[in-house]
């Protein structure tokens, strides 16, 4: 069990924090882009079901202007259509 946050960097994954969630009773990953979107008011809840999309598709570019909150369906549709509007 980990009680303090731990930053994890891996080139194959999004930058993230590993944090203890007392309500869930286990560790969870809190991704930096979600934390940024939450701080900017794009998400009402850190654990919101909304996806946070990187406009330039660079997972390391977490500038607030590069992030968009999207529904899971819209986000998946965007990527399945190669970025083209459906």
PDB file of N, CA and C in Angstrom:
ATOM      1  N   UNK A   1       0.846  -1.168   0.000  1.00  0.00           N
ATOM      2  CA  UNK A   1       0.000   0.000   0.000  1.00  0.00           C
ATOM      3  C   UNK A   1       0.899   1.242   0.000  1.00  0.00           C
ATOM      4  N   UNK A   2       0.584   2.207  -0.854  1.00  0.00           N
ATOM      5  CA  UNK A   2       1.336   3.457  -0.932  1.00  0.00           C
ATOM      6  C   UNK A   2       0.435   4.580  -0.441  1.00  0.00           C
ATOM      7  N   UNK A   3       0.928   5.374   0.499  1.00  0.00           N
ATOM      8  CA  UNK A   3       0.105   6.442   1.048  1.00  0.00           C
ATOM      9  C   UNK A   3       0.489   7.818   0.551  1.00  0.00           C
ATOM     10  N   UNK A   4       1.662   7.985  -0.002  1.00  0.00           N
ATOM     11  CA  UNK A   4       2.009   9.289  -0.536  1.00  0.00           C
ATOM     12  C   UNK A   4       2.074   9.199  -2.058  1.00  0.00           C
ATOM     13  N   UNK A   5       1.813  10.306  -2.756  1.00  0.00           N
ATOM     14  CA  UNK A   5       1.858  10.272  -4.223  1.00  0.00           C
ATOM     15  C   UNK A   5       3.259   9.924  -4.713  1.00  0.00           C
ATOM     16  N   UNK A   6       3.297   9.271  -5.849  1.00  0.00           N
ATOM     17  CA  UNK A   6       4.562   8.933  -6.488  1.00  0.00           C
ATOM     18  C   UNK A   6       4.439   9.287  -7.969  1.00  0.00           C
ATOM     19  N   UNK A   7       5.384  10.066  -8.475  1.00  0.00           N
ATOM     20  CA  UNK A   7       5.383  10.441  -9.888  1.00  0.00           C
ATOM     21  C   UNK A   7       6.009   9.306 -10.679  1.00  0.00           C
ATOM     22  N   UNK A   8       5.382   8.944 -11.791  1.00  0.00           N
ATOM     23  CA  UNK A   8       5.909   7.894 -12.653  1.00  0.00           C
ATOM     24  C   UNK A   8       6.052   8.429 -14.067  1.00  0.00           C
ATOM     25  N   UNK A   9       7.238   8.313 -14.608  1.00  0.00           N
ATOM     26  CA  UNK A   9       7.496   8.709 -15.987  1.00  0.00           C
ATOM     27  C   UNK A   9       7.946   7.482 -16.759  1.00  0.00           C
ATOM     28  N   UNK A  10       7.308   7.231 -17.860  1.00  0.00           N
ATOM     29  CA  UNK A  10       7.632   6.110 -18.726  1.00  0.00           C
ATOM     30  C   UNK A  10       7.327   6.593 -20.132  1.00  0.00           C
ATOM     31  N   UNK A  11       8.275   6.498 -21.027  1.00  0.00           N
ATOM     32  CA  UNK A  11       8.069   7.025 -22.381  1.00  0.00           C
ATOM     33  C   UNK A  11       6.914   6.368 -23.114  1.00  0.00           C
ATOM     34  N   UNK A  12       6.490   5.186 -22.674  1.00  0.00           N
ATOM     35  CA  UNK A  12       5.369   4.496 -23.322  1.00  0.00           C
ATOM     36  C   UNK A  12       4.014   4.866 -22.734  1.00  0.00           C
ATOM     37  N   UNK A  13       4.010   5.677 -21.691  1.00  0.00           N
ATOM     38  CA  UNK A  13       2.756   6.032 -21.019  1.00  0.00           C
ATOM     39  C   UNK A  13       2.667   7.539 -20.830  1.00  0.00           C
ATOM     40  N   UNK A  14       1.489   7.988 -20.474  1.00  0.00           N
ATOM     41  CA  UNK A  14       1.292   9.391 -20.129  1.00  0.00           C
ATOM     42  C   UNK A  14       1.940   9.667 -18.776  1.00  0.00           C
ATOM     43  N   UNK A  15       2.500  10.871 -18.562  1.00  0.00           N
ATOM     44  CA  UNK A  15       3.012  11.205 -17.223  1.00  0.00           C
ATOM     45  C   UNK A  15       1.877  11.097 -16.208  1.00  0.00           C
ATOM     46  N   UNK A  16       2.182  10.503 -15.060  1.00  0.00           N
ATOM     47  CA  UNK A  16       1.109  10.235 -14.103  1.00  0.00           C
ATOM     48  C   UNK A  16       1.635  10.236 -12.681  1.00  0.00           C
ATOM     49  N   UNK A  17       0.696  10.378 -11.765  1.00  0.00           N
ATOM     50  CA  UNK A  17       0.950  10.249 -10.334  1.00  0.00           C
ATOM     51  C   UNK A  17       0.231   9.002  -9.854  1.00  0.00           C
ATOM     52  N   UNK A  18       0.881   8.268  -8.982  1.00  0.00           N
ATOM     53  CA  UNK A  18       0.212   7.137  -8.349  1.00  0.00           C
ATOM     54  C   UNK A  18      -0.214   7.612  -6.976  1.00  0.00           C
ATOM     55  N   UNK A  19      -1.521   7.607  -6.720  1.00  0.00           N
ATOM     56  CA  UNK A  19      -2.058   8.155  -5.477  1.00  0.00           C
ATOM     57  C   UNK A  19      -2.973   7.134  -4.791  1.00  0.00           C
ATOM     58  N   UNK A  20      -3.034   7.237  -3.486  1.00  0.00           N
ATOM     59  CA  UNK A  20      -3.931   6.388  -2.699  1.00  0.00           C
ATOM     60  C   UNK A  20      -5.336   6.981  -2.751  1.00  0.00           C
ATOM     61  N   UNK A  21      -6.319   6.157  -3.077  1.00  0.00           N
ATOM     62  CA  UNK A  21      -7.719   6.574  -3.093  1.00  0.00           C
ATOM     63  C   UNK A  21      -8.406   5.889  -1.915  1.00  0.00           C
ATOM     64  N   UNK A  22      -8.664   6.643  -0.838  1.00  0.00           N
ATOM     65  CA  UNK A  22      -9.264   6.010   0.337  1.00  0.00           C
ATOM     66  C   UNK A  22     -10.668   5.479   0.085  1.00  0.00           C
ATOM     67  N   UNK A  23     -11.409   6.102  -0.826  1.00  0.00           N
ATOM     68  CA  UNK A  23     -12.767   5.614  -1.118  1.00  0.00           C
ATOM     69  C   UNK A  23     -12.733   4.279  -1.847  1.00  0.00           C
ATOM     70  N   UNK A  24     -11.776   4.118  -2.770  1.00  0.00           N
ATOM     71  CA  UNK A  24     -11.661   2.864  -3.515  1.00  0.00           C
ATOM     72  C   UNK A  24     -10.888   1.819  -2.708  1.00  0.00           C
ATOM     73  N   UNK A  25     -10.044   2.275  -1.774  1.00  0.00           N
ATOM     74  CA  UNK A  25      -9.262   1.347  -0.964  1.00  0.00           C
ATOM     75  C   UNK A  25      -8.023   0.815  -1.673  1.00  0.00           C
ATOM     76  N   UNK A  26      -7.570   1.524  -2.710  1.00  0.00           N
ATOM     77  CA  UNK A  26      -6.366   1.095  -3.432  1.00  0.00           C
ATOM     78  C   UNK A  26      -5.751   2.280  -4.170  1.00  0.00           C
ATOM     79  N   UNK A  27      -4.543   2.060  -4.693  1.00  0.00           N
ATOM     80  CA  UNK A  27      -3.885   3.088  -5.484  1.00  0.00           C
ATOM     81  C   UNK A  27      -4.608   3.277  -6.807  1.00  0.00           C
ATOM     82  N   UNK A  28      -4.523   4.504  -7.321  1.00  0.00           N
ATOM     83  CA  UNK A  28      -5.055   4.825  -8.651  1.00  0.00           C
ATOM     84  C   UNK A  28      -4.041   5.700  -9.355  1.00  0.00           C
ATOM     85  N   UNK A  29      -4.103   5.703 -10.675  1.00  0.00           N
ATOM     86  CA  UNK A  29      -3.268   6.609 -11.451  1.00  0.00           C
ATOM     87  C   UNK A  29      -4.026   7.893 -11.726  1.00  0.00           C
ATOM     88  N   UNK A  30      -3.381   9.011 -11.479  1.00  0.00           N
ATOM     89  CA  UNK A  30      -3.923  10.322 -11.801  1.00  0.00           C
ATOM     90  C   UNK A  30      -2.999  10.905 -12.867  1.00  0.00           C
ATOM     91  N   UNK A  31      -3.502  11.003 -14.077  1.00  0.00           N
ATOM     92  CA  UNK A  31      -2.688  11.445 -15.205  1.00  0.00           C
ATOM     93  C   UNK A  31      -2.553  12.963 -15.202  1.00  0.00           C
ATOM     94  N   UNK A  32      -1.347  13.424 -15.543  1.00  0.00           N
ATOM     95  CA  UNK A  32      -1.043  14.849 -15.498  1.00  0.00           C
ATOM     96  C   UNK A  32      -1.996  15.659 -16.375  1.00  0.00           C
ATOM     97  N   UNK A  33      -2.371  15.140 -17.556  1.00  0.00           N
ATOM     98  CA  UNK A  33      -3.278  15.892 -18.421  1.00  0.00           C
ATOM     99  C   UNK A  33      -4.666  16.021 -17.799  1.00  0.00           C
ATOM    100  N   UNK A  34      -5.105  15.030 -17.031  1.00  0.00           N
ATOM    101  CA  UNK A  34      -6.396  15.131 -16.340  1.00  0.00           C
ATOM    102  C   UNK A  34      -6.311  16.146 -15.201  1.00  0.00           C
ATOM    103  N   UNK A  35      -5.205  16.134 -14.472  1.00  0.00           N
ATOM    104  CA  UNK A  35      -5.015  17.093 -13.389  1.00  0.00           C
ATOM    105  C   UNK A  35      -4.991  18.521 -13.935  1.00  0.00           C
ATOM    106  N   UNK A  36      -4.333  18.718 -15.071  1.00  0.00           N
ATOM    107  CA  UNK A  36      -4.279  20.035 -15.709  1.00  0.00           C
ATOM    108  C   UNK A  36      -5.674  20.468 -16.157  1.00  0.00           C
ATOM    109  N   UNK A  37      -6.416  19.575 -16.803  1.00  0.00           N
ATOM    110  CA  UNK A  37      -7.769  19.895 -17.260  1.00  0.00           C
ATOM    111  C   UNK A  37      -8.683  20.224 -16.076  1.00  0.00           C
ATOM    112  N   UNK A  38      -8.529  19.497 -14.986  1.00  0.00           N
ATOM    113  CA  UNK A  38      -9.316  19.765 -13.778  1.00  0.00           C
ATOM    114  C   UNK A  38      -8.973  21.149 -13.215  1.00  0.00           C
ATOM    115  N   UNK A  39      -7.690  21.460 -13.140  1.00  0.00           N
ATOM    116  CA  UNK A  39      -7.251  22.756 -12.615  1.00  0.00           C
ATOM    117  C   UNK A  39      -7.759  23.909 -13.477  1.00  0.00           C
ATOM    118  N   UNK A  40      -7.936  23.674 -14.772  1.00  0.00           N
ATOM    119  CA  UNK A  40      -8.421  24.699 -15.695  1.00  0.00           C
ATOM    120  C   UNK A  40      -9.942  24.771 -15.731  1.00  0.00           C
ATOM    121  N   UNK A  41     -10.624  23.853 -15.037  1.00  0.00           N
ATOM    122  CA  UNK A  41     -12.087  23.862 -15.002  1.00  0.00           C
ATOM    123  C   UNK A  41     -12.745  23.092 -16.132  1.00  0.00           C
ATOM    124  N   UNK A  42     -11.965  22.335 -16.908  1.00  0.00           N
ATOM    125  CA  UNK A  42     -12.538  21.540 -18.003  1.00  0.00           C
ATOM    126  C   UNK A  42     -13.181  20.248 -17.503  1.00  0.00           C
ATOM    127  N   UNK A  43     -12.795  19.805 -16.318  1.00  0.00           N
ATOM    128  CA  UNK A  43     -13.394  18.631 -15.680  1.00  0.00           C
ATOM    129  C   UNK A  43     -13.944  19.064 -14.327  1.00  0.00           C
ATOM    130  N   UNK A  44     -15.127  18.566 -13.981  1.00  0.00           N
ATOM    131  CA  UNK A  44     -15.718  18.874 -12.685  1.00  0.00           C
ATOM    132  C   UNK A  44     -15.199  17.953 -11.582  1.00  0.00           C
ATOM    133  N   UNK A  45     -14.646  16.816 -11.989  1.00  0.00           N
ATOM    134  CA  UNK A  45     -14.217  15.785 -11.051  1.00  0.00           C
ATOM    135  C   UNK A  45     -12.977  15.114 -11.642  1.00  0.00           C
ATOM    136  N   UNK A  46     -11.962  14.898 -10.832  1.00  0.00           N
ATOM    137  CA  UNK A  46     -10.749  14.252 -11.341  1.00  0.00           C
ATOM    138  C   UNK A  46     -11.032  12.877 -11.931  1.00  0.00           C
ATOM    139  N   UNK A  47     -12.040  12.197 -11.411  1.00  0.00           N
ATOM    140  CA  UNK A  47     -12.347  10.838 -11.861  1.00  0.00           C
ATOM    141  C   UNK A  47     -13.534  10.830 -12.836  1.00  0.00           C
ATOM    142  N   UNK A  48     -13.800  11.968 -13.436  1.00  0.00           N
ATOM    143  CA  UNK A  48     -14.874  12.095 -14.427  1.00  0.00           C
ATOM    144  C   UNK A  48     -14.694  11.071 -15.539  1.00  0.00           C
ATOM    145  N   UNK A  49     -15.793  10.583 -16.108  1.00  0.00           N
ATOM    146  CA  UNK A  49     -15.678   9.644 -17.233  1.00  0.00           C
ATOM    147  C   UNK A  49     -15.228  10.323 -18.536  1.00  0.00           C
ATOM    148  N   UNK A  50     -15.206  11.660 -18.561  1.00  0.00           N
ATOM    149  CA  UNK A  50     -14.753  12.346 -19.773  1.00  0.00           C
ATOM    150  C   UNK A  50     -13.292  12.021 -20.052  1.00  0.00           C
ATOM    151  N   UNK A  51     -12.952  11.957 -21.331  1.00  0.00           N
ATOM    152  CA  UNK A  51     -11.562  11.793 -21.748  1.00  0.00           C
ATOM    153  C   UNK A  51     -10.953  13.170 -21.931  1.00  0.00           C
ATOM    154  N   UNK A  52      -9.645  13.281 -21.751  1.00  0.00           N
ATOM    155  CA  UNK A  52      -8.928  14.530 -22.008  1.00  0.00           C
ATOM    156  C   UNK A  52      -8.037  14.279 -23.225  1.00  0.00           C
ATOM    157  N   UNK A  53      -8.365  14.972 -24.302  1.00  0.00           N
ATOM    158  CA  UNK A  53      -7.694  14.803 -25.597  1.00  0.00           C
ATOM    159  C   UNK A  53      -6.557  15.806 -25.740  1.00  0.00           C
ATOM    160  N   UNK A  54      -5.412  15.338 -26.246  1.00  0.00           N
ATOM    161  CA  UNK A  54      -4.291  16.215 -26.594  1.00  0.00           C
ATOM    162  C   UNK A  54      -4.491  16.653 -28.047  1.00  0.00           C
ATOM    163  N   UNK A  55      -4.747  17.934 -28.267  1.00  0.00           N
ATOM    164  CA  UNK A  55      -5.049  18.458 -29.602  1.00  0.00           C
ATOM    165  C   UNK A  55      -3.934  18.125 -30.584  1.00  0.00           C
ATOM    166  N   UNK A  56      -2.677  18.325 -30.174  1.00  0.00           N
ATOM    167  CA  UNK A  56      -1.558  18.044 -31.090  1.00  0.00           C
ATOM    168  C   UNK A  56      -1.107  16.584 -31.032  1.00  0.00           C
ATOM    169  N   UNK A  57      -1.807  15.758 -30.252  1.00  0.00           N
ATOM    170  CA  UNK A  57      -1.567  14.329 -30.084  1.00  0.00           C
ATOM    171  C   UNK A  57      -0.206  14.003 -29.463  1.00  0.00           C
ATOM    172  N   UNK A  58       0.393  14.992 -28.807  1.00  0.00           N
ATOM    173  CA  UNK A  58       1.651  14.798 -28.078  1.00  0.00           C
ATOM    174  C   UNK A  58       1.313  14.617 -26.604  1.00  0.00           C
ATOM    175  N   UNK A  59       1.385  13.396 -26.113  1.00  0.00           N
ATOM    176  CA  UNK A  59       0.983  13.089 -24.736  1.00  0.00           C
ATOM    177  C   UNK A  59       1.817  13.804 -23.686  1.00  0.00           C
ATOM    178  N   UNK A  60       2.952  14.352 -24.072  1.00  0.00           N
ATOM    179  CA  UNK A  60       3.818  15.072 -23.137  1.00  0.00           C
ATOM    180  C   UNK A  60       3.536  16.568 -23.135  1.00  0.00           C
ATOM    181  N   UNK A  61       2.722  17.052 -24.079  1.00  0.00           N
ATOM    182  CA  UNK A  61       2.371  18.476 -24.138  1.00  0.00           C
ATOM    183  C   UNK A  61       1.083  18.697 -23.348  1.00  0.00           C
ATOM    184  N   UNK A  62       1.233  19.014 -22.085  1.00  0.00           N
ATOM    185  CA  UNK A  62       0.081  19.194 -21.204  1.00  0.00           C
ATOM    186  C   UNK A  62      -0.250  20.657 -20.964  1.00  0.00           C
ATOM    187  N   UNK A  63       0.085  21.493 -21.939  1.00  0.00           N
ATOM    188  CA  UNK A  63      -0.312  22.897 -21.890  1.00  0.00           C
ATOM    189  C   UNK A  63      -1.840  22.937 -21.906  1.00  0.00           C
ATOM    190  N   UNK A  64      -2.465  23.733 -21.040  1.00  0.00           N
ATOM    191  CA  UNK A  64      -3.937  23.775 -21.009  1.00  0.00           C
ATOM    192  C   UNK A  64      -4.571  24.071 -22.363  1.00  0.00           C
ATOM    193  N   UNK A  65      -3.909  24.864 -23.211  1.00  0.00           N
ATOM    194  CA  UNK A  65      -4.463  25.165 -24.540  1.00  0.00           C
ATOM    195  C   UNK A  65      -4.418  23.964 -25.475  1.00  0.00           C
ATOM    196  N   UNK A  66      -3.694  22.922 -25.102  1.00  0.00           N
ATOM    197  CA  UNK A  66      -3.578  21.722 -25.927  1.00  0.00           C
ATOM    198  C   UNK A  66      -4.526  20.611 -25.479  1.00  0.00           C
ATOM    199  N   UNK A  67      -5.337  20.873 -24.464  1.00  0.00           N
ATOM    200  CA  UNK A  67      -6.203  19.834 -23.899  1.00  0.00           C
ATOM    201  C   UNK A  67      -7.672  20.159 -24.118  1.00  0.00           C
ATOM    202  N   UNK A  68      -8.448  19.123 -24.431  1.00  0.00           N
ATOM    203  CA  UNK A  68      -9.901  19.250 -24.613  1.00  0.00           C
ATOM    204  C   UNK A  68     -10.590  18.085 -23.910  1.00  0.00           C
ATOM    205  N   UNK A  69     -11.595  18.389 -23.101  1.00  0.00           N
ATOM    206  CA  UNK A  69     -12.413  17.338 -22.496  1.00  0.00           C
ATOM    207  C   UNK A  69     -13.447  16.890 -23.520  1.00  0.00           C
ATOM    208  N   UNK A  70     -13.548  15.576 -23.718  1.00  0.00           N
ATOM    209  CA  UNK A  70     -14.482  15.005 -24.691  1.00  0.00           C
ATOM    210  C   UNK A  70     -15.187  13.796 -24.096  1.00  0.00           C
ATOM    211  N   UNK A  71     -16.354  13.515 -24.604  1.00  0.00           N
ATOM    212  CA  UNK A  71     -17.028  12.283 -24.184  1.00  0.00           C
ATOM    213  C   UNK A  71     -16.205  11.106 -24.709  1.00  0.00           C
ATOM    214  N   UNK A  72     -16.260   9.965 -24.026  1.00  0.00           N
ATOM    215  CA  UNK A  72     -15.520   8.803 -24.520  1.00  0.00           C
ATOM    216  C   UNK A  72     -15.881   8.437 -25.962  1.00  0.00           C
ATOM    217  N   UNK A  73     -17.164   8.517 -26.302  1.00  0.00           N
ATOM    218  CA  UNK A  73     -17.588   8.166 -27.664  1.00  0.00           C
ATOM    219  C   UNK A  73     -17.015   9.134 -28.695  1.00  0.00           C
ATOM    220  N   UNK A  74     -17.069  10.444 -28.417  1.00  0.00           N
ATOM    221  CA  UNK A  74     -16.523  11.433 -29.343  1.00  0.00           C
ATOM    222  C   UNK A  74     -15.015  11.278 -29.493  1.00  0.00           C
ATOM    223  N   UNK A  75     -14.331  11.003 -28.391  1.00  0.00           N
ATOM    224  CA  UNK A  75     -12.881  10.865 -28.429  1.00  0.00           C
ATOM    225  C   UNK A  75     -12.478   9.626 -29.237  1.00  0.00           C
ATOM    226  N   UNK A  76     -13.143   8.523 -28.990  1.00  0.00           N
ATOM    227  CA  UNK A  76     -12.859   7.296 -29.739  1.00  0.00           C
ATOM    228  C   UNK A  76     -13.163   7.487 -31.212  1.00  0.00           C
ATOM    229  N   UNK A  77     -14.304   8.092 -31.520  1.00  0.00           N
ATOM    230  CA  UNK A  77     -14.691   8.333 -32.910  1.00  0.00           C
ATOM    231  C   UNK A  77     -13.649   9.210 -33.615  1.00  0.00           C
ATOM    232  N   UNK A  78     -13.170  10.217 -32.930  1.00  0.00           N
ATOM    233  CA  UNK A  78     -12.148  11.105 -33.493  1.00  0.00           C
ATOM    234  C   UNK A  78     -10.912  10.303 -33.913  1.00  0.00           C
ATOM    235  N   UNK A  79     -10.434   9.458 -33.028  1.00  0.00           N
ATOM    236  CA  UNK A  79      -9.212   8.704 -33.322  1.00  0.00           C
ATOM    237  C   UNK A  79      -9.462   7.591 -34.344  1.00  0.00           C
ATOM    238  N   UNK A  80     -10.620   6.970 -34.314  1.00  0.00           N
ATOM    239  CA  UNK A  80     -10.912   5.908 -35.291  1.00  0.00           C
ATOM    240  C   UNK A  80     -11.060   6.470 -36.707  1.00  0.00           C
ATOM    241  N   UNK A  81     -11.451   7.724 -36.822  1.00  0.00           N
ATOM    242  CA  UNK A  81     -11.603   8.363 -38.131  1.00  0.00           C
ATOM    243  C   UNK A  81     -10.372   9.159 -38.515  1.00  0.00           C
ATOM    244  N   UNK A  82      -9.256   8.904 -37.886  1.00  0.00           N
ATOM    245  CA  UNK A  82      -8.023   9.586 -38.237  1.00  0.00           C
ATOM    246  C   UNK A  82      -8.051  11.078 -38.001  1.00  0.00           C
ATOM    247  N   UNK A  83      -8.825  11.521 -37.025  1.00  0.00           N
ATOM    248  CA  UNK A  83      -8.897  12.939 -36.721  1.00  0.00           C
ATOM    249  C   UNK A  83      -9.930  13.675 -37.532  1.00  0.00           C
ATOM    250  N   UNK A  84     -10.601  12.974 -38.435  1.00  0.00           N
ATOM    251  CA  UNK A  84     -11.617  13.622 -39.273  1.00  0.00           C
ATOM    252  C   UNK A  84     -12.925  13.702 -38.507  1.00  0.00           C
ATOM    253  N   UNK A  85     -13.657  14.796 -38.668  1.00  0.00           N
ATOM    254  CA  UNK A  85     -14.976  14.873 -38.022  1.00  0.00           C
ATOM    255  C   UNK A  85     -15.893  13.794 -38.565  1.00  0.00           C
ATOM    256  N   UNK A  86     -16.750  13.265 -37.707  1.00  0.00           N
ATOM    257  CA  UNK A  86     -17.663  12.203 -38.172  1.00  0.00           C
ATOM    258  C   UNK A  86     -18.882  12.767 -38.848  1.00  0.00           C
TER     259      UNK A  86
END
